[in-house]
Amino acid sequence: MEFPCDFTIKVIGENSASCIDEITEIARKHFPNLSDEAIRKKPSKQGKYLAFSITVHAQDQATLDAFYLELTKHPDIKMVL
């Protein structure tokens, strides 16, 4: 991968207002200039889960790794790809 580049991370988490806010907060912590349009959400069929596609403009691998690790530690997040 060549940096800087746009990179999309997929996240599946609980469909709750607090989870949405916390995922957005984590994303903006690592990528402060992230626009609202860069975070797309789609609920599961029964609405229990929410799939996120977050497209970030990564400057380096270390920032992507830190973002990924913080997401995987969140208790409401089930999967990060």
Protein backbone atom coordinates (compact mmCIF):
# COMPACT_ATOMS: atom_id res chain seq x y z
CA MET A 1 0.00 0.00 0.00
CA GLU A 2 1.28 3.44 -0.88
CA PHE A 3 0.61 6.36 1.47
CA PRO A 4 -1.13 8.71 1.63
CA CYS A 5 -4.23 6.89 0.38
CA ASP A 6 -7.97 6.52 0.86
CA PHE A 7 -8.80 3.36 2.80
CA THR A 8 -12.19 1.91 3.75
CA ILE A 9 -12.65 0.08 7.03
CA LYS A 10 -15.77 -2.01 7.59
CA VAL A 11 -17.20 -2.20 11.11
CA ILE A 12 -20.14 -4.20 12.45
CA GLY A 13 -21.51 -3.13 15.81
CA GLU A 14 -24.60 -2.89 17.96
CA ASN A 15 -27.34 -0.67 16.51
CA SER A 16 -27.53 1.88 19.31
CA ALA A 17 -27.12 5.65 19.47
CA SER A 18 -24.20 5.32 21.89
CA CYS A 19 -22.35 2.86 19.62
CA ILE A 20 -22.84 5.11 16.58
CA ASP A 21 -21.55 8.13 18.51
CA GLU A 22 -18.57 6.24 19.93
CA ILE A 23 -17.50 4.79 16.57
CA THR A 24 -17.72 8.27 15.05
CA GLU A 25 -15.70 9.68 17.96
CA ILE A 26 -13.00 7.01 17.55
CA ALA A 27 -12.81 7.67 13.80
CA ARG A 28 -12.47 11.44 14.30
CA LYS A 29 -9.86 10.95 17.01
CA HIS A 30 -7.57 9.26 14.48
CA PHE A 31 -8.75 11.23 11.42
CA PRO A 32 -9.84 14.71 12.63
CA ASN A 33 -10.84 15.95 9.16
CA LEU A 34 -13.23 13.04 8.52
CA SER A 35 -16.46 14.26 6.91
CA ASP A 36 -19.94 12.97 7.75
CA GLU A 37 -20.17 11.60 4.19
CA ALA A 38 -17.14 9.37 4.82
CA ILE A 39 -19.14 7.35 7.36
CA ARG A 40 -21.87 5.23 5.80
CA LYS A 41 -24.25 3.15 7.92
CA LYS A 42 -26.57 0.28 7.05
CA PRO A 43 -28.74 -1.64 9.54
CA SER A 44 -29.03 -5.44 9.54
CA LYS A 45 -32.32 -7.06 8.47
CA GLN A 46 -33.65 -7.29 12.03
CA GLY A 47 -32.04 -3.98 13.01
CA LYS A 48 -29.94 -5.41 15.86
CA TYR A 49 -26.62 -4.55 14.20
CA LEU A 50 -25.27 -1.71 12.11
CA ALA A 51 -22.64 -2.02 9.41
CA PHE A 52 -20.32 0.94 8.93
CA SER A 53 -18.11 1.72 5.97
CA ILE A 54 -15.63 4.38 7.03
CA THR A 55 -13.40 5.79 4.31
CA VAL A 56 -10.39 7.61 5.70
CA HIS A 57 -7.47 9.40 4.09
CA ALA A 58 -4.55 7.60 5.76
CA GLN A 59 -1.15 9.23 5.93
CA ASP A 60 0.65 6.13 7.23
CA GLN A 61 0.24 2.51 8.35
CA ALA A 62 0.71 3.35 12.04
CA THR A 63 -2.39 5.58 12.07
CA LEU A 64 -4.49 2.89 10.37
CA ASP A 65 -3.23 0.27 12.82
CA ALA A 66 -4.03 2.45 15.84
CA PHE A 67 -7.55 3.12 14.50
CA TYR A 68 -8.15 -0.59 13.86
CA LEU A 69 -6.90 -1.60 17.32
CA GLU A 70 -9.06 0.94 19.12
CA LEU A 71 -12.14 -0.20 17.19
CA THR A 72 -11.52 -3.87 18.00
CA LYS A 73 -11.31 -3.09 21.74
CA HIS A 74 -14.77 -1.48 21.84
CA PRO A 75 -17.27 -3.79 23.60
CA ASP A 76 -20.18 -3.05 21.20
CA ILE A 77 -18.16 -3.78 18.05
CA LYS A 78 -18.48 -7.33 16.77
CA MET A 79 -16.18 -7.23 13.73
CA VAL A 80 -13.67 -4.93 12.00
CA LEU A 81 -12.44 -5.62 8.47
